[in-house]
């Protein structure tokens, strides 16, 4: 799900907190999941922390390329 989310973000133009949330909802729905099931893991992957400011706003600030890069790095690290 995280890999699919990263790919969807890369193809998004004009990323906002709202569009990041919509893409997350769509991506998780396509995998028969809910966004809440991946938010904590996504936060850890992107920020390295279990809590913090609004995650979607953080995604908007980081930008789609940085978010996708962090997701790819986490997946590579975990699957070693």
PDB file of N, CA and C in Angstrom:
ATOM      1  N   UNK A   1       0.832  -1.189   0.000  1.00  0.00           N
ATOM      2  CA  UNK A   1       0.000   0.000   0.000  1.00  0.00           C
ATOM      3  C   UNK A   1       0.879   1.256   0.000  1.00  0.00           C
ATOM      4  N   UNK A   2       1.933   1.249   0.807  1.00  0.00           N
ATOM      5  CA  UNK A   2       2.803   2.429   0.850  1.00  0.00           C
ATOM      6  C   UNK A   2       3.480   2.672  -0.487  1.00  0.00           C
ATOM      7  N   UNK A   3       3.939   1.613  -1.133  1.00  0.00           N
ATOM      8  CA  UNK A   3       4.580   1.767  -2.443  1.00  0.00           C
ATOM      9  C   UNK A   3       3.597   2.349  -3.448  1.00  0.00           C
ATOM     10  N   UNK A   4       2.371   1.855  -3.436  1.00  0.00           N
ATOM     11  CA  UNK A   4       1.348   2.356  -4.353  1.00  0.00           C
ATOM     12  C   UNK A   4       1.044   3.826  -4.059  1.00  0.00           C
ATOM     13  N   UNK A   5       1.005   4.186  -2.787  1.00  0.00           N
ATOM     14  CA  UNK A   5       0.751   5.579  -2.411  1.00  0.00           C
ATOM     15  C   UNK A   5       1.870   6.481  -2.922  1.00  0.00           C
ATOM     16  N   UNK A   6       3.111   6.051  -2.754  1.00  0.00           N
ATOM     17  CA  UNK A   6       4.239   6.828  -3.250  1.00  0.00           C
ATOM     18  C   UNK A   6       4.167   7.047  -4.748  1.00  0.00           C
ATOM     19  N   UNK A   7       3.800   6.011  -5.479  1.00  0.00           N
ATOM     20  CA  UNK A   7       3.693   6.126  -6.936  1.00  0.00           C
ATOM     21  C   UNK A   7       2.566   7.075  -7.333  1.00  0.00           C
ATOM     22  N   UNK A   8       1.449   6.981  -6.639  1.00  0.00           N
ATOM     23  CA  UNK A   8       0.328   7.877  -6.937  1.00  0.00           C
ATOM     24  C   UNK A   8       0.694   9.330  -6.647  1.00  0.00           C
ATOM     25  N   UNK A   9       1.422   9.554  -5.568  1.00  0.00           N
ATOM     26  CA  UNK A   9       1.833  10.921  -5.234  1.00  0.00           C
ATOM     27  C   UNK A   9       2.752  11.499  -6.298  1.00  0.00           C
ATOM     28  N   UNK A  10       3.636  10.671  -6.839  1.00  0.00           N
ATOM     29  CA  UNK A  10       4.566  11.155  -7.859  1.00  0.00           C
ATOM     30  C   UNK A  10       3.838  11.652  -9.096  1.00  0.00           C
ATOM     31  N   UNK A  11       2.704  11.046  -9.400  1.00  0.00           N
ATOM     32  CA  UNK A  11       1.971  11.458 -10.600  1.00  0.00           C
ATOM     33  C   UNK A  11       1.007  12.611 -10.329  1.00  0.00           C
ATOM     34  N   UNK A  12       0.891  13.012  -9.066  1.00  0.00           N
ATOM     35  CA  UNK A  12      -0.013  14.108  -8.708  1.00  0.00           C
ATOM     36  C   UNK A  12       0.658  15.450  -8.976  1.00  0.00           C
ATOM     37  N   UNK A  13      -0.116  16.373  -9.490  1.00  0.00           N
ATOM     38  CA  UNK A  13       0.416  17.724  -9.694  1.00  0.00           C
ATOM     39  C   UNK A  13      -0.269  18.669  -8.717  1.00  0.00           C
ATOM     40  N   UNK A  14       0.471  19.645  -8.227  1.00  0.00           N
ATOM     41  CA  UNK A  14      -0.104  20.608  -7.291  1.00  0.00           C
ATOM     42  C   UNK A  14      -0.555  19.960  -5.999  1.00  0.00           C
ATOM     43  N   UNK A  15       0.316  19.165  -5.381  1.00  0.00           N
ATOM     44  CA  UNK A  15      -0.038  18.418  -4.181  1.00  0.00           C
ATOM     45  C   UNK A  15      -0.399  19.352  -3.030  1.00  0.00           C
ATOM     46  N   UNK A  16      -1.543  19.092  -2.428  1.00  0.00           N
ATOM     47  CA  UNK A  16      -1.993  19.807  -1.236  1.00  0.00           C
ATOM     48  C   UNK A  16      -2.294  18.774  -0.160  1.00  0.00           C
ATOM     49  N   UNK A  17      -2.518  19.237   1.056  1.00  0.00           N
ATOM     50  CA  UNK A  17      -2.885  18.324   2.135  1.00  0.00           C
ATOM     51  C   UNK A  17      -4.166  17.580   1.780  1.00  0.00           C
ATOM     52  N   UNK A  18      -5.096  18.285   1.168  1.00  0.00           N
ATOM     53  CA  UNK A  18      -6.374  17.672   0.806  1.00  0.00           C
ATOM     54  C   UNK A  18      -6.198  16.618  -0.282  1.00  0.00           C
ATOM     55  N   UNK A  19      -5.385  16.915  -1.282  1.00  0.00           N
ATOM     56  CA  UNK A  19      -5.185  15.933  -2.348  1.00  0.00           C
ATOM     57  C   UNK A  19      -4.367  14.747  -1.850  1.00  0.00           C
ATOM     58  N   UNK A  20      -3.425  14.981  -0.932  1.00  0.00           N
ATOM     59  CA  UNK A  20      -2.655  13.881  -0.347  1.00  0.00           C
ATOM     60  C   UNK A  20      -3.582  12.929   0.399  1.00  0.00           C
ATOM     61  N   UNK A  21      -4.547  13.485   1.130  1.00  0.00           N
ATOM     62  CA  UNK A  21      -5.522  12.664   1.863  1.00  0.00           C
ATOM     63  C   UNK A  21      -6.420  11.910   0.891  1.00  0.00           C
ATOM     64  N   UNK A  22      -6.870  12.571  -0.159  1.00  0.00           N
ATOM     65  CA  UNK A  22      -7.732  11.919  -1.149  1.00  0.00           C
ATOM     66  C   UNK A  22      -6.998  10.775  -1.838  1.00  0.00           C
ATOM     67  N   UNK A  23      -5.730  10.990  -2.166  1.00  0.00           N
ATOM     68  CA  UNK A  23      -4.938   9.935  -2.800  1.00  0.00           C
ATOM     69  C   UNK A  23      -4.745   8.776  -1.829  1.00  0.00           C
ATOM     70  N   UNK A  24      -4.504   9.072  -0.556  1.00  0.00           N
ATOM     71  CA  UNK A  24      -4.354   8.016   0.445  1.00  0.00           C
ATOM     72  C   UNK A  24      -5.645   7.222   0.576  1.00  0.00           C
ATOM     73  N   UNK A  25      -6.775   7.912   0.647  1.00  0.00           N
ATOM     74  CA  UNK A  25      -8.066   7.228   0.757  1.00  0.00           C
ATOM     75  C   UNK A  25      -8.312   6.324  -0.445  1.00  0.00           C
ATOM     76  N   UNK A  26      -8.036   6.818  -1.635  1.00  0.00           N
ATOM     77  CA  UNK A  26      -8.235   6.033  -2.856  1.00  0.00           C
ATOM     78  C   UNK A  26      -7.303   4.833  -2.893  1.00  0.00           C
ATOM     79  N   UNK A  27      -6.038   5.057  -2.568  1.00  0.00           N
ATOM     80  CA  UNK A  27      -5.050   3.978  -2.614  1.00  0.00           C
ATOM     81  C   UNK A  27      -5.376   2.888  -1.606  1.00  0.00           C
ATOM     82  N   UNK A  28      -5.702   3.272  -0.385  1.00  0.00           N
ATOM     83  CA  UNK A  28      -6.017   2.255   0.619  1.00  0.00           C
ATOM     84  C   UNK A  28      -7.302   1.523   0.261  1.00  0.00           C
ATOM     85  N   UNK A  29      -8.272   2.225  -0.264  1.00  0.00           N
ATOM     86  CA  UNK A  29      -9.528   1.598  -0.680  1.00  0.00           C
ATOM     87  C   UNK A  29      -9.285   0.550  -1.760  1.00  0.00           C
ATOM     88  N   UNK A  30      -8.381   0.848  -2.692  1.00  0.00           N
ATOM     89  CA  UNK A  30      -8.063  -0.101  -3.760  1.00  0.00           C
ATOM     90  C   UNK A  30      -7.430  -1.380  -3.205  1.00  0.00           C
ATOM     91  N   UNK A  31      -6.849  -1.297  -2.016  1.00  0.00           N
ATOM     92  CA  UNK A  31      -6.227  -2.452  -1.374  1.00  0.00           C
ATOM     93  C   UNK A  31      -7.098  -3.000  -0.236  1.00  0.00           C
ATOM     94  N   UNK A  32      -8.379  -2.648  -0.266  1.00  0.00           N
ATOM     95  CA  UNK A  32      -9.348  -3.104   0.743  1.00  0.00           C
ATOM     96  C   UNK A  32      -8.908  -2.763   2.163  1.00  0.00           C
ATOM     97  N   UNK A  33      -8.378  -1.572   2.319  1.00  0.00           N
ATOM     98  CA  UNK A  33      -7.962  -1.092   3.627  1.00  0.00           C
ATOM     99  C   UNK A  33      -8.549   0.297   3.846  1.00  0.00           C
ATOM    100  N   UNK A  34      -8.388   0.784   5.062  1.00  0.00           N
ATOM    101  CA  UNK A  34      -8.774   2.153   5.381  1.00  0.00           C
ATOM    102  C   UNK A  34      -7.509   2.941   5.693  1.00  0.00           C
ATOM    103  N   UNK A  35      -7.565   4.234   5.465  1.00  0.00           N
ATOM    104  CA  UNK A  35      -6.395   5.085   5.676  1.00  0.00           C
ATOM    105  C   UNK A  35      -5.853   4.952   7.097  1.00  0.00           C
ATOM    106  N   UNK A  36      -6.735   4.830   8.061  1.00  0.00           N
ATOM    107  CA  UNK A  36      -6.313   4.709   9.452  1.00  0.00           C
ATOM    108  C   UNK A  36      -5.420   3.517   9.726  1.00  0.00           C
ATOM    109  N   UNK A  37      -5.518   2.504   8.873  1.00  0.00           N
ATOM    110  CA  UNK A  37      -4.701   1.310   9.055  1.00  0.00           C
ATOM    111  C   UNK A  37      -3.244   1.535   8.657  1.00  0.00           C
ATOM    112  N   UNK A  38      -2.963   2.571   7.909  1.00  0.00           N
ATOM    113  CA  UNK A  38      -1.589   2.811   7.460  1.00  0.00           C
ATOM    114  C   UNK A  38      -1.022   4.152   7.923  1.00  0.00           C
ATOM    115  N   UNK A  39      -1.832   4.991   8.522  1.00  0.00           N
ATOM    116  CA  UNK A  39      -1.370   6.335   8.892  1.00  0.00           C
ATOM    117  C   UNK A  39      -0.188   6.315   9.858  1.00  0.00           C
ATOM    118  N   UNK A  40      -0.220   5.456  10.867  1.00  0.00           N
ATOM    119  CA  UNK A  40       0.866   5.421  11.849  1.00  0.00           C
ATOM    120  C   UNK A  40       2.175   4.982  11.196  1.00  0.00           C
ATOM    121  N   UNK A  41       2.089   3.953  10.354  1.00  0.00           N
ATOM    122  CA  UNK A  41       3.286   3.485   9.645  1.00  0.00           C
ATOM    123  C   UNK A  41       3.784   4.569   8.694  1.00  0.00           C
ATOM    124  N   UNK A  42       2.871   5.205   7.983  1.00  0.00           N
ATOM    125  CA  UNK A  42       3.247   6.272   7.059  1.00  0.00           C
ATOM    126  C   UNK A  42       3.935   7.409   7.808  1.00  0.00           C
ATOM    127  N   UNK A  43       3.418   7.775   8.963  1.00  0.00           N
ATOM    128  CA  UNK A  43       4.029   8.842   9.770  1.00  0.00           C
ATOM    129  C   UNK A  43       5.453   8.452  10.176  1.00  0.00           C
ATOM    130  N   UNK A  44       5.639   7.204  10.606  1.00  0.00           N
ATOM    131  CA  UNK A  44       6.975   6.744  11.001  1.00  0.00           C
ATOM    132  C   UNK A  44       7.933   6.770   9.816  1.00  0.00           C
ATOM    133  N   UNK A  45       7.456   6.328   8.660  1.00  0.00           N
ATOM    134  CA  UNK A  45       8.285   6.307   7.451  1.00  0.00           C
ATOM    135  C   UNK A  45       8.695   7.723   7.052  1.00  0.00           C
ATOM    136  N   UNK A  46       7.774   8.655   7.131  1.00  0.00           N
ATOM    137  CA  UNK A  46       8.034  10.009   6.639  1.00  0.00           C
ATOM    138  C   UNK A  46       8.745  10.907   7.639  1.00  0.00           C
ATOM    139  N   UNK A  47       8.436  10.744   8.931  1.00  0.00           N
ATOM    140  CA  UNK A  47       8.979  11.676   9.921  1.00  0.00           C
ATOM    141  C   UNK A  47       9.897  11.027  10.941  1.00  0.00           C
ATOM    142  N   UNK A  48       9.837   9.706  11.049  1.00  0.00           N
ATOM    143  CA  UNK A  48      10.639   9.023  12.051  1.00  0.00           C
ATOM    144  C   UNK A  48      10.073   9.147  13.450  1.00  0.00           C
ATOM    145  N   UNK A  49       8.855   9.650  13.562  1.00  0.00           N
ATOM    146  CA  UNK A  49       8.230   9.842  14.867  1.00  0.00           C
ATOM    147  C   UNK A  49       6.831   9.255  14.870  1.00  0.00           C
ATOM    148  N   UNK A  50       6.377   8.875  16.047  1.00  0.00           N
ATOM    149  CA  UNK A  50       5.052   8.290  16.176  1.00  0.00           C
ATOM    150  C   UNK A  50       3.937   9.312  16.305  1.00  0.00           C
ATOM    151  N   UNK A  51       4.294  10.562  16.553  1.00  0.00           N
ATOM    152  CA  UNK A  51       3.291  11.621  16.706  1.00  0.00           C
ATOM    153  C   UNK A  51       3.891  12.923  16.202  1.00  0.00           C
ATOM    154  N   UNK A  52       3.024  13.853  15.889  1.00  0.00           N
ATOM    155  CA  UNK A  52       3.508  15.142  15.419  1.00  0.00           C
ATOM    156  C   UNK A  52       2.394  15.952  14.799  1.00  0.00           C
ATOM    157  N   UNK A  53       2.773  16.961  14.032  1.00  0.00           N
ATOM    158  CA  UNK A  53       1.772  17.810  13.387  1.00  0.00           C
ATOM    159  C   UNK A  53       0.977  17.040  12.337  1.00  0.00           C
ATOM    160  N   UNK A  54      -0.036  17.662  11.830  1.00  0.00           N
ATOM    161  CA  UNK A  54      -0.902  17.048  10.828  1.00  0.00           C
ATOM    162  C   UNK A  54      -0.065  16.410   9.721  1.00  0.00           C
ATOM    163  N   UNK A  55      -0.247  15.112   9.508  1.00  0.00           N
ATOM    164  CA  UNK A  55       0.574  14.378   8.552  1.00  0.00           C
ATOM    165  C   UNK A  55       0.340  14.836   7.124  1.00  0.00           C
ATOM    166  N   UNK A  56      -0.899  15.111   6.766  1.00  0.00           N
ATOM    167  CA  UNK A  56      -1.175  15.531   5.390  1.00  0.00           C
ATOM    168  C   UNK A  56      -0.550  16.898   5.095  1.00  0.00           C
ATOM    169  N   UNK A  57      -0.538  17.771   6.079  1.00  0.00           N
ATOM    170  CA  UNK A  57       0.121  19.067   5.907  1.00  0.00           C
ATOM    171  C   UNK A  57       1.630  18.860   5.773  1.00  0.00           C
ATOM    172  N   UNK A  58       2.169  17.931   6.546  1.00  0.00           N
ATOM    173  CA  UNK A  58       3.597  17.614   6.428  1.00  0.00           C
ATOM    174  C   UNK A  58       3.920  17.089   5.040  1.00  0.00           C
ATOM    175  N   UNK A  59       3.039  16.259   4.493  1.00  0.00           N
ATOM    176  CA  UNK A  59       3.235  15.724   3.146  1.00  0.00           C
ATOM    177  C   UNK A  59       3.217  16.859   2.130  1.00  0.00           C
ATOM    178  N   UNK A  60       2.294  17.791   2.298  1.00  0.00           N
ATOM    179  CA  UNK A  60       2.239  18.942   1.391  1.00  0.00           C
ATOM    180  C   UNK A  60       3.545  19.734   1.437  1.00  0.00           C
ATOM    181  N   UNK A  61       4.064  19.957   2.632  1.00  0.00           N
ATOM    182  CA  UNK A  61       5.298  20.725   2.793  1.00  0.00           C
ATOM    183  C   UNK A  61       6.496  19.976   2.209  1.00  0.00           C
ATOM    184  N   UNK A  62       6.574  18.671   2.463  1.00  0.00           N
ATOM    185  CA  UNK A  62       7.694  17.875   1.941  1.00  0.00           C
ATOM    186  C   UNK A  62       7.670  17.774   0.424  1.00  0.00           C
ATOM    187  N   UNK A  63       6.486  17.679  -0.121  1.00  0.00           N
ATOM    188  CA  UNK A  63       6.349  17.530  -1.568  1.00  0.00           C
ATOM    189  C   UNK A  63       6.331  16.068  -1.983  1.00  0.00           C
ATOM    190  N   UNK A  64       5.717  15.810  -3.112  1.00  0.00           N
ATOM    191  CA  UNK A  64       5.504  14.431  -3.551  1.00  0.00           C
ATOM    192  C   UNK A  64       6.807  13.687  -3.816  1.00  0.00           C
ATOM    193  N   UNK A  65       7.809  14.354  -4.367  1.00  0.00           N
ATOM    194  CA  UNK A  65       9.074  13.675  -4.671  1.00  0.00           C
ATOM    195  C   UNK A  65       9.775  13.213  -3.397  1.00  0.00           C
ATOM    196  N   UNK A  66       9.821  14.068  -2.388  1.00  0.00           N
ATOM    197  CA  UNK A  66      10.469  13.715  -1.122  1.00  0.00           C
ATOM    198  C   UNK A  66       9.711  12.603  -0.417  1.00  0.00           C
ATOM    199  N   UNK A  67       8.394  12.682  -0.408  1.00  0.00           N
ATOM    200  CA  UNK A  67       7.579  11.649   0.232  1.00  0.00           C
ATOM    201  C   UNK A  67       7.799  10.311  -0.461  1.00  0.00           C
ATOM    202  N   UNK A  68       7.756  10.303  -1.776  1.00  0.00           N
ATOM    203  CA  UNK A  68       7.966   9.063  -2.528  1.00  0.00           C
ATOM    204  C   UNK A  68       9.355   8.499  -2.254  1.00  0.00           C
ATOM    205  N   UNK A  69      10.348   9.359  -2.183  1.00  0.00           N
ATOM    206  CA  UNK A  69      11.718   8.916  -1.914  1.00  0.00           C
ATOM    207  C   UNK A  69      11.822   8.284  -0.528  1.00  0.00           C
ATOM    208  N   UNK A  70      11.203   8.877   0.459  1.00  0.00           N
ATOM    209  CA  UNK A  70      11.250   8.333   1.823  1.00  0.00           C
ATOM    210  C   UNK A  70      10.521   6.994   1.906  1.00  0.00           C
ATOM    211  N   UNK A  71       9.410   6.869   1.205  1.00  0.00           N
ATOM    212  CA  UNK A  71       8.684   5.598   1.181  1.00  0.00           C
ATOM    213  C   UNK A  71       9.548   4.523   0.526  1.00  0.00           C
ATOM    214  N   UNK A  72      10.149   4.838  -0.610  1.00  0.00           N
ATOM    215  CA  UNK A  72      11.011   3.878  -1.303  1.00  0.00           C
ATOM    216  C   UNK A  72      12.182   3.461  -0.422  1.00  0.00           C
ATOM    217  N   UNK A  73      12.796   4.412   0.278  1.00  0.00           N
ATOM    218  CA  UNK A  73      13.912   4.106   1.167  1.00  0.00           C
ATOM    219  C   UNK A  73      13.469   3.162   2.285  1.00  0.00           C
ATOM    220  N   UNK A  74      12.324   3.434   2.884  1.00  0.00           N
ATOM    221  CA  UNK A  74      11.821   2.590   3.970  1.00  0.00           C
ATOM    222  C   UNK A  74      11.554   1.171   3.478  1.00  0.00           C
ATOM    223  N   UNK A  75      10.954   1.047   2.320  1.00  0.00           N
ATOM    224  CA  UNK A  75      10.657  -0.281   1.784  1.00  0.00           C
ATOM    225  C   UNK A  75      11.951  -1.038   1.495  1.00  0.00           C
ATOM    226  N   UNK A  76      12.920  -0.368   0.892  1.00  0.00           N
ATOM    227  CA  UNK A  76      14.213  -1.019   0.617  1.00  0.00           C
ATOM    228  C   UNK A  76      14.891  -1.445   1.913  1.00  0.00           C
ATOM    229  N   UNK A  77      14.842  -0.600   2.927  1.00  0.00           N
ATOM    230  CA  UNK A  77      15.487  -0.895   4.200  1.00  0.00           C
ATOM    231  C   UNK A  77      14.820  -2.077   4.897  1.00  0.00           C
ATOM    232  N   UNK A  78      13.513  -2.104   4.888  1.00  0.00           N
ATOM    233  CA  UNK A  78      12.769  -3.163   5.576  1.00  0.00           C
ATOM    234  C   UNK A  78      12.927  -4.504   4.875  1.00  0.00           C
ATOM    235  N   UNK A  79      13.012  -4.499   3.563  1.00  0.00           N
ATOM    236  CA  UNK A  79      13.044  -5.761   2.818  1.00  0.00           C
ATOM    237  C   UNK A  79      14.450  -6.312   2.607  1.00  0.00           C
ATOM    238  N   UNK A  80      15.454  -5.706   3.219  1.00  0.00           N
ATOM    239  CA  UNK A  80      16.828  -6.220   3.087  1.00  0.00           C
ATOM    240  C   UNK A  80      16.974  -7.537   3.787  1.00  0.00           C
TER     241      UNK A  80
END
